[in-house]
Amino acid sequence: QVQVVEVGGGLVQAGGSLRLSCAASGNRFSINGMGWYRQAPGKQRELVAVAYINGGANYADSVKGRFTISRDNPANTVNLQMNSLKPEDTAVYYCKVWIGPHEFWGQGTQVTVSS
């Protein structure tokens, strides 16, 4: 089985920065993509950013110019550098891993941005 673990959540003031990291481990596998989603209370989970194995990336419009996703392929990790944070960014952030047609999720890490 594949285990996905996120770290780096916490409390930060508006305008501050935070860095999230996600690592996938388990049996031998080849990851097609890794990404970040977030979910605020009472709202649906939404895509934040996705990193592909070829180095490409996509971002939600709401975070473009503020967030940067990066991958360390040999370590099967993905990072999310979050700058200029806003209270609207407050949510539980989840790491998602694509392995062939399969999807794996982390447990989530809380990010809280105070105004």
Protein backbone atom coordinates (compact mmCIF):
# COMPACT_ATOMS: atom_id res chain seq x y z
CA GLN A 1 0.00 0.00 0.00
CA VAL A 2 1.00 3.61 -0.55
CA GLN A 3 1.21 6.02 2.37
CA VAL A 4 0.91 9.77 1.83
CA VAL A 5 1.86 12.17 4.62
CA GLU A 6 1.67 15.98 4.70
CA VAL A 7 3.54 18.26 7.09
CA GLY A 8 4.04 21.98 7.50
CA GLY A 9 0.63 23.35 8.41
CA GLY A 10 0.20 25.90 11.15
CA LEU A 11 -0.81 29.42 12.10
CA VAL A 12 0.40 32.44 10.17
CA GLN A 13 -0.54 36.09 9.88
CA ALA A 14 -1.93 37.53 6.67
CA GLY A 15 0.89 38.37 4.31
CA GLY A 16 3.12 35.69 5.77
CA SER A 17 4.48 32.50 4.27
CA LEU A 18 4.22 28.80 4.92
CA ARG A 19 5.73 25.74 3.28
CA LEU A 20 3.94 22.39 3.04
CA SER A 21 5.62 19.10 2.19
CA CYS A 22 4.18 15.76 1.15
CA ALA A 23 5.93 12.41 0.88
CA ALA A 24 4.66 9.18 -0.66
CA SER A 25 6.10 5.88 0.49
CA GLY A 26 5.40 2.17 0.35
CA ASN A 27 5.92 -0.49 -2.28
CA ARG A 28 7.74 0.25 -5.47
CA PHE A 29 5.71 2.48 -7.74
CA SER A 30 5.96 5.18 -10.38
CA ILE A 31 4.16 8.43 -9.63
CA ASN A 32 2.49 10.21 -12.52
CA GLY A 33 1.64 13.35 -10.60
CA MET A 34 1.33 14.91 -7.18
CA GLY A 35 -0.81 17.80 -6.13
CA TRP A 36 -2.44 19.82 -3.40
CA TYR A 37 -6.11 20.32 -2.65
CA ARG A 38 -7.76 22.24 0.15
CA GLN A 39 -11.09 22.22 1.91
CA ALA A 40 -12.55 24.88 4.17
CA PRO A 41 -15.43 24.15 6.58
CA GLY A 42 -18.72 23.88 4.75
CA LYS A 43 -17.07 24.04 1.34
CA GLN A 44 -16.10 21.52 -1.30
CA ARG A 45 -12.55 20.36 -1.73
CA GLU A 46 -10.81 22.35 -4.44
CA LEU A 47 -7.65 21.98 -6.48
CA VAL A 48 -4.77 24.23 -5.44
CA ALA A 49 -1.84 23.07 -7.56
CA VAL A 50 -0.60 20.00 -9.42
CA ALA A 51 2.95 19.02 -10.40
CA TYR A 52 3.60 16.55 -13.20
CA ILE A 53 6.55 14.23 -13.62
CA ASN A 54 7.80 16.20 -16.62
CA GLY A 55 8.08 19.35 -14.52
CA GLY A 56 4.88 21.01 -15.63
CA ALA A 57 2.45 22.48 -13.15
CA ASN A 58 -1.03 23.95 -12.93
CA TYR A 59 -2.45 26.34 -10.35
CA ALA A 60 -5.85 27.51 -9.28
CA ASP A 61 -6.47 31.09 -10.33
CA SER A 62 -6.87 32.12 -6.71
CA VAL A 63 -3.26 31.19 -5.85
CA LYS A 64 -1.37 32.05 -9.04
CA GLY A 65 1.55 34.33 -8.32
CA ARG A 66 1.50 33.50 -4.62
CA PHE A 67 1.95 29.71 -4.38
CA THR A 68 4.66 27.58 -5.97
CA ILE A 69 4.57 23.80 -6.27
CA SER A 70 7.75 21.77 -6.70
CA ARG A 71 8.68 18.10 -6.79
CA ASP A 72 11.63 16.04 -5.66
CA ASN A 73 11.10 13.01 -7.87
CA PRO A 74 13.79 10.70 -6.40
CA ALA A 75 12.31 11.22 -2.94
CA ASN A 76 8.68 11.04 -4.11
CA THR A 77 7.91 14.34 -2.44
CA VAL A 78 6.06 17.48 -3.41
CA ASN A 79 6.21 20.89 -1.76
CA LEU A 80 3.92 23.88 -1.73
CA GLN A 81 5.49 27.24 -0.97
CA MET A 82 2.72 29.63 0.04
CA ASN A 83 3.52 33.34 0.09
CA SER A 84 1.37 36.42 0.66
CA LEU A 85 -1.15 34.31 2.52
CA LYS A 86 -4.70 35.57 2.94
CA PRO A 87 -7.41 34.61 5.43
CA GLU A 88 -9.25 33.06 2.49
CA ASP A 89 -6.45 30.50 2.25
CA THR A 90 -7.48 29.02 5.60
CA ALA A 91 -8.34 25.36 5.04
CA VAL A 92 -7.20 21.81 5.49
CA TYR A 93 -4.66 21.07 2.77
CA TYR A 94 -4.51 17.57 1.32
CA CYS A 95 -1.82 15.94 -0.77
CA LYS A 96 -2.93 13.77 -3.68
CA VAL A 97 -0.80 11.25 -5.54
CA TRP A 98 -1.56 9.71 -8.92
CA ILE A 99 -0.08 6.29 -9.65
CA GLY A 100 -1.35 5.00 -12.95
CA PRO A 101 -5.15 5.04 -12.71
CA HIS A 102 -5.06 5.06 -8.90
CA GLU A 103 -5.35 7.95 -6.47
CA PHE A 104 -4.00 8.24 -2.94
CA TRP A 105 -4.69 10.93 -0.37
CA GLY A 106 -2.90 12.18 2.70
CA GLN A 107 -4.62 12.87 6.00
CA GLY A 108 -4.50 16.64 5.58
CA THR A 109 -2.75 19.46 7.42
CA GLN A 110 -4.45 22.56 8.81
CA VAL A 111 -3.44 26.00 7.55
CA THR A 112 -4.89 28.98 9.41
CA VAL A 113 -4.26 32.56 8.29
CA SER A 114 -5.21 35.34 10.68
CA SER A 115 -6.21 38.81 9.52
